[in-house]
Amino acid sequence: MPIERLRLATFCVYLATWLVLAIAAAAGAMAGRHRRAAAFVQITAPVIVGTLLQAAGAFAITLSLGKGPLRPTELELIGALLLAPLAAGLFCWALRSVPYDAGAGSLVTTGAYAWMRHPIYLAFFAMLLATGLLTSTGPKLAVAAALYLAGSELRIATEEAELVEKFPAGYAQYRSRTRWRYLPGLR
């Protein structure tokens, strides 16, 4: 496939992926799925700092954009072409894994949550990487990824502490059965 056709296909898939993410998030919000399941998460300093670090990761890529057209390499285009749909699929799967009748008193351990405890963090990390590959930010992508991962670790540590408190036996069993937080093979 010539590079121009690959570039067009990748950017079309990337934009379609953001559309799918937006529609899935809106549909999930209207159904109240994720909100009900995560209603017990307290807004604490680590959650706020973690969220700010995650946002800083995205801004690191956005602020590093130069003037002129984007010129990702063929390898960067292929990486983004693979990562973006994977992110959307994982995000949609995670939302669909939360049962309609799940409330704040429910621990979701099926579907995407049977494979990893925090799949939505991985979905957004994959989109961050896809975006960084398309913008060819190079070393700035490493900084963006580090900021996002640091923020995710802060938020997840807080969320898991609350889950242990709310579901002492159930969460310990789930954590031993589902060893990956959100990075398969690493955590």
C-alpha atoms as a PDB file:
ATOM      1  CA  MET A   1       0.000   0.000   0.000  1.00  0.00           C
ATOM      2  CA  PRO A   2       1.526   3.363  -0.967  1.00  0.00           C
ATOM      3  CA  ILE A   3       2.261   5.658   1.961  1.00  0.00           C
ATOM      4  CA  GLU A   4      -0.390   8.228   0.934  1.00  0.00           C
ATOM      5  CA  ARG A   5      -3.123   5.590   0.907  1.00  0.00           C
ATOM      6  CA  LEU A   6      -1.885   4.240   4.252  1.00  0.00           C
ATOM      7  CA  ARG A   7      -1.900   7.790   5.659  1.00  0.00           C
ATOM      8  CA  LEU A   8      -5.479   8.390   4.451  1.00  0.00           C
ATOM      9  CA  ALA A   9      -6.692   5.011   5.760  1.00  0.00           C
ATOM     10  CA  THR A  10      -5.011   5.548   9.130  1.00  0.00           C
ATOM     11  CA  PHE A  11      -6.393   9.045   9.653  1.00  0.00           C
ATOM     12  CA  CYS A  12      -9.890   7.910   8.623  1.00  0.00           C
ATOM     13  CA  VAL A  13      -9.749   4.960  11.040  1.00  0.00           C
ATOM     14  CA  TYR A  14      -8.333   7.193  13.777  1.00  0.00           C
ATOM     15  CA  LEU A  15     -11.119   9.760  13.414  1.00  0.00           C
ATOM     16  CA  ALA A  16     -13.757   7.009  13.229  1.00  0.00           C
ATOM     17  CA  THR A  17     -12.296   5.544  16.408  1.00  0.00           C
ATOM     18  CA  TRP A  18     -12.787   8.837  18.266  1.00  0.00           C
ATOM     19  CA  LEU A  19     -16.347   8.914  17.004  1.00  0.00           C
ATOM     20  CA  VAL A  20     -16.948   5.371  18.298  1.00  0.00           C
ATOM     21  CA  LEU A  21     -15.410   6.314  21.664  1.00  0.00           C
ATOM     22  CA  ALA A  22     -17.619   9.385  21.926  1.00  0.00           C
ATOM     23  CA  ILE A  23     -20.782   7.478  21.024  1.00  0.00           C
ATOM     24  CA  ALA A  24     -19.912   4.628  23.417  1.00  0.00           C
ATOM     25  CA  ALA A  25     -19.165   7.062  26.241  1.00  0.00           C
ATOM     26  CA  ALA A  26     -22.415   8.922  25.649  1.00  0.00           C
ATOM     27  CA  ALA A  27     -24.408   5.690  25.461  1.00  0.00           C
ATOM     28  CA  GLY A  28     -22.696   4.391  28.607  1.00  0.00           C
ATOM     29  CA  ALA A  29     -23.429   7.644  30.415  1.00  0.00           C
ATOM     30  CA  MET A  30     -27.067   7.594  29.353  1.00  0.00           C
ATOM     31  CA  ALA A  31     -27.395   4.023  30.572  1.00  0.00           C
ATOM     32  CA  GLY A  32     -25.574   5.053  33.755  1.00  0.00           C
ATOM     33  CA  ARG A  33     -23.416   1.931  33.535  1.00  0.00           C
ATOM     34  CA  HIS A  34     -19.992   3.160  34.489  1.00  0.00           C
ATOM     35  CA  ARG A  35     -21.310   5.831  36.838  1.00  0.00           C
ATOM     36  CA  ARG A  36     -23.324   3.327  38.892  1.00  0.00           C
ATOM     37  CA  ALA A  37     -20.476   0.830  39.051  1.00  0.00           C
ATOM     38  CA  ALA A  38     -17.936   3.479  40.099  1.00  0.00           C
ATOM     39  CA  ALA A  39     -20.191   5.574  42.327  1.00  0.00           C
ATOM     40  CA  PHE A  40     -18.186   4.716  45.419  1.00  0.00           C
ATOM     41  CA  VAL A  41     -14.874   6.258  44.207  1.00  0.00           C
ATOM     42  CA  GLN A  42     -14.011   9.177  46.447  1.00  0.00           C
ATOM     43  CA  ILE A  43     -12.562  12.377  44.992  1.00  0.00           C
ATOM     44  CA  THR A  44      -9.279  12.621  46.872  1.00  0.00           C
ATOM     45  CA  ALA A  45      -5.977  14.424  46.318  1.00  0.00           C
ATOM     46  CA  PRO A  46      -4.375  11.372  44.607  1.00  0.00           C
ATOM     47  CA  VAL A  47      -7.390  11.064  42.278  1.00  0.00           C
ATOM     48  CA  ILE A  48      -7.194  14.760  41.380  1.00  0.00           C
ATOM     49  CA  VAL A  49      -3.410  14.680  40.886  1.00  0.00           C
ATOM     50  CA  GLY A  50      -3.692  11.461  38.888  1.00  0.00           C
ATOM     51  CA  THR A  51      -6.336  12.965  36.631  1.00  0.00           C
ATOM     52  CA  LEU A  52      -4.211  16.084  36.117  1.00  0.00           C
ATOM     53  CA  LEU A  53      -1.181  13.942  35.232  1.00  0.00           C
ATOM     54  CA  GLN A  54      -3.242  11.956  32.729  1.00  0.00           C
ATOM     55  CA  ALA A  55      -4.460  15.206  31.151  1.00  0.00           C
ATOM     56  CA  ALA A  56      -0.886  16.543  31.121  1.00  0.00           C
ATOM     57  CA  GLY A  57       0.088  13.479  29.103  1.00  0.00           C
ATOM     58  CA  ALA A  58      -2.463  14.383  26.446  1.00  0.00           C
ATOM     59  CA  PHE A  59      -1.440  18.049  26.525  1.00  0.00           C
ATOM     60  CA  ALA A  60       2.235  17.093  26.132  1.00  0.00           C
ATOM     61  CA  ILE A  61       1.357  15.667  22.737  1.00  0.00           C
ATOM     62  CA  THR A  62      -1.001  18.484  21.766  1.00  0.00           C
ATOM     63  CA  LEU A  63       1.404  21.246  22.755  1.00  0.00           C
ATOM     64  CA  SER A  64       4.275  19.595  20.880  1.00  0.00           C
ATOM     65  CA  LEU A  65       2.531  19.866  17.503  1.00  0.00           C
ATOM     66  CA  GLY A  66       4.505  21.934  15.059  1.00  0.00           C
ATOM     67  CA  LYS A  67       3.275  24.041  12.223  1.00  0.00           C
ATOM     68  CA  GLY A  68       2.462  22.342   8.973  1.00  0.00           C
ATOM     69  CA  PRO A  69       1.080  18.937   8.058  1.00  0.00           C
ATOM     70  CA  LEU A  70       1.580  15.819  10.112  1.00  0.00           C
ATOM     71  CA  ARG A  71       4.124  13.467   8.550  1.00  0.00           C
ATOM     72  CA  PRO A  72       4.128  10.189  10.476  1.00  0.00           C
ATOM     73  CA  THR A  73       6.362   7.441   9.148  1.00  0.00           C
ATOM     74  CA  GLU A  74       4.953   4.245   7.713  1.00  0.00           C
ATOM     75  CA  LEU A  75       5.682   2.393  10.967  1.00  0.00           C
ATOM     76  CA  GLU A  76       3.953   5.117  13.017  1.00  0.00           C
ATOM     77  CA  LEU A  77       0.921   4.948  10.714  1.00  0.00           C
ATOM     78  CA  ILE A  78       0.702   1.168  11.085  1.00  0.00           C
ATOM     79  CA  GLY A  79       1.038   1.471  14.874  1.00  0.00           C
ATOM     80  CA  ALA A  80      -1.769   4.024  15.062  1.00  0.00           C
ATOM     81  CA  LEU A  81      -3.882   1.982  12.639  1.00  0.00           C
ATOM     82  CA  LEU A  82      -3.641  -0.985  15.020  1.00  0.00           C
ATOM     83  CA  LEU A  83      -3.849   0.838  18.369  1.00  0.00           C
ATOM     84  CA  ALA A  84      -6.834   3.126  17.740  1.00  0.00           C
ATOM     85  CA  PRO A  85      -9.396   0.399  16.893  1.00  0.00           C
ATOM     86  CA  LEU A  86      -7.991  -1.764  19.696  1.00  0.00           C
ATOM     87  CA  ALA A  87      -8.606   1.115  22.112  1.00  0.00           C
ATOM     88  CA  ALA A  88     -12.176   1.637  20.924  1.00  0.00           C
ATOM     89  CA  GLY A  89     -12.919  -2.074  21.066  1.00  0.00           C
ATOM     90  CA  LEU A  90     -11.541  -2.392  24.589  1.00  0.00           C
ATOM     91  CA  PHE A  91     -13.432   0.699  25.764  1.00  0.00           C
ATOM     92  CA  CYS A  92     -16.732  -0.578  24.331  1.00  0.00           C
ATOM     93  CA  TRP A  93     -16.107  -4.052  25.752  1.00  0.00           C
ATOM     94  CA  ALA A  94     -15.411  -2.593  29.203  1.00  0.00           C
ATOM     95  CA  LEU A  95     -18.624  -0.573  29.102  1.00  0.00           C
ATOM     96  CA  ARG A  96     -20.632  -3.589  27.921  1.00  0.00           C
ATOM     97  CA  SER A  97     -19.093  -5.696  30.702  1.00  0.00           C
ATOM     98  CA  VAL A  98     -20.898  -3.674  33.357  1.00  0.00           C
ATOM     99  CA  PRO A  99     -24.368  -5.221  33.801  1.00  0.00           C
ATOM    100  CA  TYR A 100     -27.379  -2.929  33.524  1.00  0.00           C
ATOM    101  CA  ASP A 101     -28.386  -3.763  37.080  1.00  0.00           C
ATOM    102  CA  ALA A 102     -24.898  -3.183  38.555  1.00  0.00           C
ATOM    103  CA  GLY A 103     -25.024  -0.657  41.335  1.00  0.00           C
ATOM    104  CA  ALA A 104     -22.450   0.838  43.661  1.00  0.00           C
ATOM    105  CA  GLY A 105     -22.736  -2.351  45.715  1.00  0.00           C
ATOM    106  CA  SER A 106     -21.602  -4.526  42.787  1.00  0.00           C
ATOM    107  CA  LEU A 107     -18.111  -5.719  41.979  1.00  0.00           C
ATOM    108  CA  VAL A 108     -17.844  -6.267  38.212  1.00  0.00           C
ATOM    109  CA  THR A 109     -15.524  -9.189  37.452  1.00  0.00           C
ATOM    110  CA  THR A 110     -16.776 -10.434  34.088  1.00  0.00           C
ATOM    111  CA  GLY A 111     -16.144  -9.522  30.459  1.00  0.00           C
ATOM    112  CA  ALA A 112     -13.184  -7.191  30.042  1.00  0.00           C
ATOM    113  CA  TYR A 113     -12.868  -7.071  33.825  1.00  0.00           C
ATOM    114  CA  ALA A 114     -12.139 -10.797  33.888  1.00  0.00           C
ATOM    115  CA  TRP A 115      -8.925 -10.080  31.944  1.00  0.00           C
ATOM    116  CA  MET A 116      -7.781  -6.877  33.637  1.00  0.00           C
ATOM    117  CA  ARG A 117      -9.026  -4.883  36.566  1.00  0.00           C
ATOM    118  CA  HIS A 118      -8.998  -1.454  34.891  1.00  0.00           C
ATOM    119  CA  PRO A 119      -9.467  -1.891  31.120  1.00  0.00           C
ATOM    120  CA  ILE A 120     -10.635   1.662  30.465  1.00  0.00           C
ATOM    121  CA  TYR A 121      -7.227   3.022  31.533  1.00  0.00           C
ATOM    122  CA  LEU A 122      -5.608   0.772  28.925  1.00  0.00           C
ATOM    123  CA  ALA A 123      -8.094   1.894  26.265  1.00  0.00           C
ATOM    124  CA  PHE A 124      -7.229   5.543  26.810  1.00  0.00           C
ATOM    125  CA  PHE A 125      -3.505   4.766  27.011  1.00  0.00           C
ATOM    126  CA  ALA A 126      -3.747   3.051  23.613  1.00  0.00           C
ATOM    127  CA  MET A 127      -5.462   6.155  22.185  1.00  0.00           C
ATOM    128  CA  LEU A 128      -2.764   8.371  23.688  1.00  0.00           C
ATOM    129  CA  LEU A 129      -0.114   6.231  21.982  1.00  0.00           C
ATOM    130  CA  ALA A 130      -2.006   6.247  18.674  1.00  0.00           C
ATOM    131  CA  THR A 131      -2.271  10.028  18.837  1.00  0.00           C
ATOM    132  CA  GLY A 132       1.411  10.377  19.647  1.00  0.00           C
ATOM    133  CA  LEU A 133       2.356   8.120  16.752  1.00  0.00           C
ATOM    134  CA  LEU A 134       0.261  10.146  14.315  1.00  0.00           C
ATOM    135  CA  THR A 135       1.737  13.420  15.470  1.00  0.00           C
ATOM    136  CA  SER A 136       5.286  11.996  15.367  1.00  0.00           C
ATOM    137  CA  THR A 137       6.169  13.536  18.678  1.00  0.00           C
ATOM    138  CA  GLY A 138       9.052  11.109  19.308  1.00  0.00           C
ATOM    139  CA  PRO A 139      10.610  11.712  22.732  1.00  0.00           C
ATOM    140  CA  LYS A 140       7.636  13.834  23.759  1.00  0.00           C
ATOM    141  CA  LEU A 141       5.473  10.734  23.367  1.00  0.00           C
ATOM    142  CA  ALA A 142       7.626   9.013  25.989  1.00  0.00           C
ATOM    143  CA  VAL A 143       7.041  11.956  28.358  1.00  0.00           C
ATOM    144  CA  ALA A 144       3.307  11.892  27.593  1.00  0.00           C
ATOM    145  CA  ALA A 145       3.146   8.134  28.217  1.00  0.00           C
ATOM    146  CA  ALA A 146       5.066   8.471  31.497  1.00  0.00           C
ATOM    147  CA  LEU A 147       2.727  11.236  32.697  1.00  0.00           C
ATOM    148  CA  TYR A 148      -0.361   9.222  31.773  1.00  0.00           C
ATOM    149  CA  LEU A 149       0.971   6.057  33.452  1.00  0.00           C
ATOM    150  CA  ALA A 150       1.946   7.975  36.620  1.00  0.00           C
ATOM    151  CA  GLY A 151      -1.538   9.479  36.781  1.00  0.00           C
ATOM    152  CA  SER A 152      -3.149   6.101  36.175  1.00  0.00           C
ATOM    153  CA  GLU A 153      -1.092   4.496  38.928  1.00  0.00           C
ATOM    154  CA  LEU A 154      -2.198   7.167  41.420  1.00  0.00           C
ATOM    155  CA  ARG A 155      -5.852   6.812  40.494  1.00  0.00           C
ATOM    156  CA  ILE A 156      -5.786   3.017  40.444  1.00  0.00           C
ATOM    157  CA  ALA A 157      -4.045   2.811  43.823  1.00  0.00           C
ATOM    158  CA  THR A 158      -6.824   4.941  45.311  1.00  0.00           C
ATOM    159  CA  GLU A 159      -9.579   3.016  43.551  1.00  0.00           C
ATOM    160  CA  GLU A 160      -8.176  -0.349  44.583  1.00  0.00           C
ATOM    161  CA  ALA A 161      -7.826   0.738  48.216  1.00  0.00           C
ATOM    162  CA  GLU A 162     -11.503   1.695  48.168  1.00  0.00           C
ATOM    163  CA  LEU A 163     -12.439  -1.596  46.494  1.00  0.00           C
ATOM    164  CA  VAL A 164     -10.535  -3.560  49.155  1.00  0.00           C
ATOM    165  CA  GLU A 165     -12.408  -1.626  51.833  1.00  0.00           C
ATOM    166  CA  LYS A 166     -15.809  -2.053  50.189  1.00  0.00           C
ATOM    167  CA  PHE A 167     -15.377  -5.710  49.082  1.00  0.00           C
ATOM    168  CA  PRO A 168     -12.718  -7.168  51.435  1.00  0.00           C
ATOM    169  CA  ALA A 169     -12.970 -10.848  50.531  1.00  0.00           C
ATOM    170  CA  GLY A 170     -14.412 -10.448  47.048  1.00  0.00           C
ATOM    171  CA  TYR A 171     -11.804  -7.990  45.819  1.00  0.00           C
ATOM    172  CA  ALA A 172      -8.888  -9.960  47.249  1.00  0.00           C
ATOM    173  CA  GLN A 173     -10.134 -13.040  45.412  1.00  0.00           C
ATOM    174  CA  TYR A 174     -10.743 -11.069  42.215  1.00  0.00           C
ATOM    175  CA  ARG A 175      -7.277  -9.462  42.410  1.00  0.00           C
ATOM    176  CA  SER A 176      -5.593 -12.837  42.824  1.00  0.00           C
ATOM    177  CA  ARG A 177      -7.567 -14.235  39.878  1.00  0.00           C
ATOM    178  CA  THR A 178      -7.112 -11.160  37.652  1.00  0.00           C
ATOM    179  CA  ARG A 179      -3.509 -10.176  38.187  1.00  0.00           C
ATOM    180  CA  TRP A 180      -3.224  -7.427  35.557  1.00  0.00           C
ATOM    181  CA  ARG A 181      -4.263  -3.980  36.600  1.00  0.00           C
ATOM    182  CA  TYR A 182      -4.364  -2.556  33.071  1.00  0.00           C
ATOM    183  CA  LEU A 183      -1.062  -3.326  31.334  1.00  0.00           C
ATOM    184  CA  PRO A 184      -1.115  -6.978  30.212  1.00  0.00           C
ATOM    185  CA  GLY A 185       2.116  -8.719  31.013  1.00  0.00           C
ATOM    186  CA  LEU A 186       3.452  -5.826  33.064  1.00  0.00           C
ATOM    187  CA  ARG A 187       1.047  -5.235  35.971  1.00  0.00           C
END
